Amino acid sequence: MQNLFSYPLYIDEISSVERRYRLNADEKQRAYIAQVYKLPSVKSFTAIIKVKNDYKNHKLEVGGQADAELEQTSVISLENFIKPYHTDFRVVFDTQMTVGEFRNLDFDYDDEITDIIEDGKIDLAAIAMEQIALVIDDFPRQKNEVFEFKSEFDEETTKAANPFAVLAKLKK
């Protein structure tokens, strides 16, 4: 699958002055995003991202917000519906760390872990897509939709079919 939604930035070209980028996916790009997310469609996808390179500390700071309107299928009614998503995010990259060094890191659960940069570039569109993917409902449902389970069996039938009850009878 060809990546149709990409906005690469080369680390060497990013200044220490904060720059702001606005991404707005067009129709083809939204169709690509829907394929990646495995959704019926993406109605809108935008992101405002700020990027700043801290050369002194070898850190690249990427932050901002991403918004999307996604068409999803309800796990309860199996009907499609549109739901808006919003996320504010901040990601910090280490501009000098290699993949090998990252693998050998020893860190605690509470530590802020920096990402690594591969091939000397980052992709702002991929970062925005990842951030929205992190907030998508695992089991989407429409507003006020509630799952209600009704057993086919009454309580006595369920107790009689219990495998432990059957074993208890054999023991007697």
Protein backbone atom coordinates (compact mmCIF):
# COMPACT_ATOMS: atom_id res chain seq x y z
CA MET A 1 0.00 0.00 0.00
CA GLN A 2 1.51 3.30 -1.09
CA ASN A 3 1.67 5.98 1.60
CA LEU A 4 -0.52 8.80 0.30
CA PHE A 5 -0.45 10.90 3.48
CA SER A 6 3.08 11.95 4.30
CA TYR A 7 4.86 15.13 5.34
CA PRO A 8 8.53 14.33 5.90
CA LEU A 9 10.93 16.74 7.57
CA TYR A 10 14.69 16.27 7.48
CA ILE A 11 16.23 16.87 10.89
CA ASP A 12 19.17 18.86 9.49
CA GLU A 13 16.72 21.37 7.98
CA ILE A 14 14.73 22.02 11.18
CA SER A 15 15.75 25.21 12.96
CA SER A 16 15.88 25.95 16.67
CA VAL A 17 13.06 28.44 16.15
CA GLU A 18 9.66 26.81 16.58
CA ARG A 19 7.81 26.29 13.30
CA ARG A 20 4.13 25.53 12.89
CA TYR A 21 2.70 23.16 10.29
CA ARG A 22 -0.94 22.62 9.35
CA LEU A 23 -1.90 19.30 7.77
CA ASN A 24 -5.26 18.82 6.09
CA ALA A 25 -5.86 15.47 4.37
CA ASP A 26 -7.58 15.62 0.99
CA GLU A 27 -10.03 12.99 -0.30
CA LYS A 28 -7.39 10.52 -1.54
CA GLN A 29 -5.37 10.90 1.63
CA ARG A 30 -8.47 10.32 3.78
CA ALA A 31 -9.19 7.14 1.81
CA TYR A 32 -5.63 6.00 2.54
CA ILE A 33 -6.04 6.80 6.26
CA ALA A 34 -9.32 4.82 6.32
CA GLN A 35 -7.45 1.84 4.84
CA VAL A 36 -4.72 2.10 7.48
CA TYR A 37 -7.26 2.38 10.32
CA LYS A 38 -9.47 -0.31 8.73
CA LEU A 39 -12.55 1.94 8.87
CA PRO A 40 -15.37 2.55 6.37
CA SER A 41 -14.21 6.15 5.82
CA VAL A 42 -12.50 9.20 7.25
CA LYS A 43 -14.59 12.35 6.84
CA SER A 44 -11.88 14.79 7.94
CA PHE A 45 -8.34 14.71 9.25
CA THR A 46 -6.39 17.79 10.30
CA ALA A 47 -3.40 18.50 12.51
CA ILE A 48 -1.59 21.56 13.75
CA ILE A 49 1.94 20.61 14.68
CA LYS A 50 4.77 22.66 16.20
CA VAL A 51 8.35 21.54 15.70
CA LYS A 52 11.48 22.82 17.43
CA ASN A 53 15.02 21.45 17.31
CA ASP A 54 17.00 21.85 20.53
CA TYR A 55 20.52 21.39 19.12
CA LYS A 56 22.20 21.91 22.49
CA ASN A 57 20.39 18.97 24.17
CA HIS A 58 20.03 16.89 20.97
CA LYS A 59 16.24 16.87 21.28
CA LEU A 60 13.57 17.45 18.68
CA GLU A 61 10.24 18.51 20.17
CA VAL A 62 7.07 17.79 18.21
CA GLY A 63 3.69 18.75 19.66
CA GLY A 64 0.28 19.97 18.77
CA GLN A 65 -3.19 18.67 18.17
CA ALA A 66 -4.86 16.32 15.75
CA ASP A 67 -8.55 16.10 14.87
CA ALA A 68 -10.47 13.55 12.84
CA GLU A 69 -14.04 12.61 12.04
CA LEU A 70 -14.13 8.86 11.57
CA GLU A 71 -16.90 6.65 10.26
CA GLN A 72 -16.97 3.55 12.42
CA THR A 73 -19.15 0.48 12.77
CA SER A 74 -20.91 0.00 16.09
CA VAL A 75 -20.02 -3.27 17.83
CA ILE A 76 -23.58 -3.40 19.16
CA SER A 77 -25.91 -2.46 16.31
CA LEU A 78 -23.40 -3.00 13.44
CA GLU A 79 -24.54 0.35 12.01
CA ASN A 80 -22.05 2.90 10.72
CA PHE A 81 -21.81 6.24 12.50
CA ILE A 82 -19.47 9.23 12.51
CA LYS A 83 -17.53 10.14 15.64
CA PRO A 84 -15.13 13.06 16.15
CA TYR A 85 -11.75 12.54 17.81
CA HIS A 86 -9.35 15.12 19.21
CA THR A 87 -5.97 14.72 20.88
CA ASP A 88 -3.27 17.02 22.16
CA PHE A 89 0.17 15.48 22.02
CA ARG A 90 3.86 15.98 22.60
CA VAL A 91 6.61 13.71 21.30
CA VAL A 92 10.32 14.17 21.97
CA PHE A 93 12.96 12.68 19.68
CA ASP A 94 16.62 12.15 20.51
CA THR A 95 18.54 13.39 17.46
CA GLN A 96 21.70 11.38 18.22
CA MET A 97 20.48 8.06 19.62
CA THR A 98 20.75 5.00 17.40
CA VAL A 99 18.41 2.01 17.28
CA GLY A 100 21.02 -0.14 19.03
CA GLU A 101 21.43 2.37 21.84
CA PHE A 102 17.64 2.61 22.22
CA ARG A 103 17.36 -1.18 22.59
CA ASN A 104 19.95 -1.19 25.35
CA LEU A 105 18.29 1.57 27.38
CA ASP A 106 17.42 0.78 30.96
CA PHE A 107 14.49 2.89 32.13
CA ASP A 108 11.76 2.97 34.74
CA TYR A 109 8.06 3.02 34.03
CA ASP A 110 7.77 6.71 34.96
CA ASP A 111 10.68 7.87 32.80
CA GLU A 112 10.01 10.05 29.78
CA ILE A 113 11.28 7.99 26.88
CA THR A 114 12.44 9.78 23.78
CA ASP A 115 11.80 8.38 20.33
CA ILE A 116 14.56 7.80 17.85
CA ILE A 117 14.94 9.27 14.40
CA GLU A 118 15.45 6.89 11.52
CA ASP A 119 17.01 7.89 8.19
CA GLY A 120 17.49 11.46 9.42
CA LYS A 121 13.84 12.44 9.08
CA ILE A 122 10.44 12.39 10.76
CA ASP A 123 7.00 12.25 9.14
CA LEU A 124 4.53 14.72 10.64
CA ALA A 125 1.55 13.02 8.98
CA ALA A 126 2.56 9.64 10.43
CA ILE A 127 2.93 11.20 13.89
CA ALA A 128 -0.55 12.76 13.65
CA MET A 129 -2.06 9.48 12.43
CA GLU A 130 -0.40 7.60 15.30
CA GLN A 131 -1.76 10.05 17.85
CA ILE A 132 -5.34 9.70 16.56
CA ALA A 133 -4.93 5.90 16.46
CA LEU A 134 -4.08 5.99 20.16
CA VAL A 135 -7.46 7.56 21.06
CA ILE A 136 -9.79 5.58 18.75
CA ASP A 137 -12.31 3.46 20.65
CA ASP A 138 -11.43 -0.24 20.60
CA PHE A 139 -15.12 -1.14 20.71
CA PRO A 140 -16.95 1.76 19.06
CA ARG A 141 -20.62 2.32 19.77
CA GLN A 142 -23.05 5.09 19.09
CA LYS A 143 -23.95 7.54 21.83
CA ASN A 144 -26.37 6.05 24.39
CA GLU A 145 -26.03 2.59 22.85
CA VAL A 146 -25.85 -0.10 25.54
CA PHE A 147 -25.16 -3.82 25.21
CA GLU A 148 -27.69 -6.02 26.97
CA PHE A 149 -27.13 -9.76 27.28
CA LYS A 150 -30.09 -12.10 27.60
CA SER A 151 -29.32 -15.74 28.26
CA GLU A 152 -31.15 -18.43 26.33
CA PHE A 153 -31.19 -20.61 29.43
CA ASP A 154 -32.86 -20.18 32.76
CA GLU A 155 -30.83 -20.34 35.98
CA GLU A 156 -31.62 -24.01 36.70
CA THR A 157 -30.52 -25.15 33.22
CA THR A 158 -27.31 -23.14 33.54
CA LYS A 159 -26.52 -24.71 36.94
CA ALA A 160 -27.21 -28.23 35.63
CA ALA A 161 -24.91 -27.69 32.64
CA ASN A 162 -22.06 -26.48 34.84
CA PRO A 163 -19.16 -28.90 34.27
CA PHE A 164 -18.28 -28.90 37.96
CA ALA A 165 -21.85 -29.88 38.87
CA VAL A 166 -21.62 -32.79 36.42
CA LEU A 167 -18.31 -33.89 38.01
CA ALA A 168 -19.82 -33.62 41.50
CA LYS A 169 -22.61 -36.01 40.45
CA LEU A 170 -20.06 -38.51 39.15
CA LYS A 171 -18.17 -38.35 42.42
CA LYS A 172 -21.23 -39.45 44.44
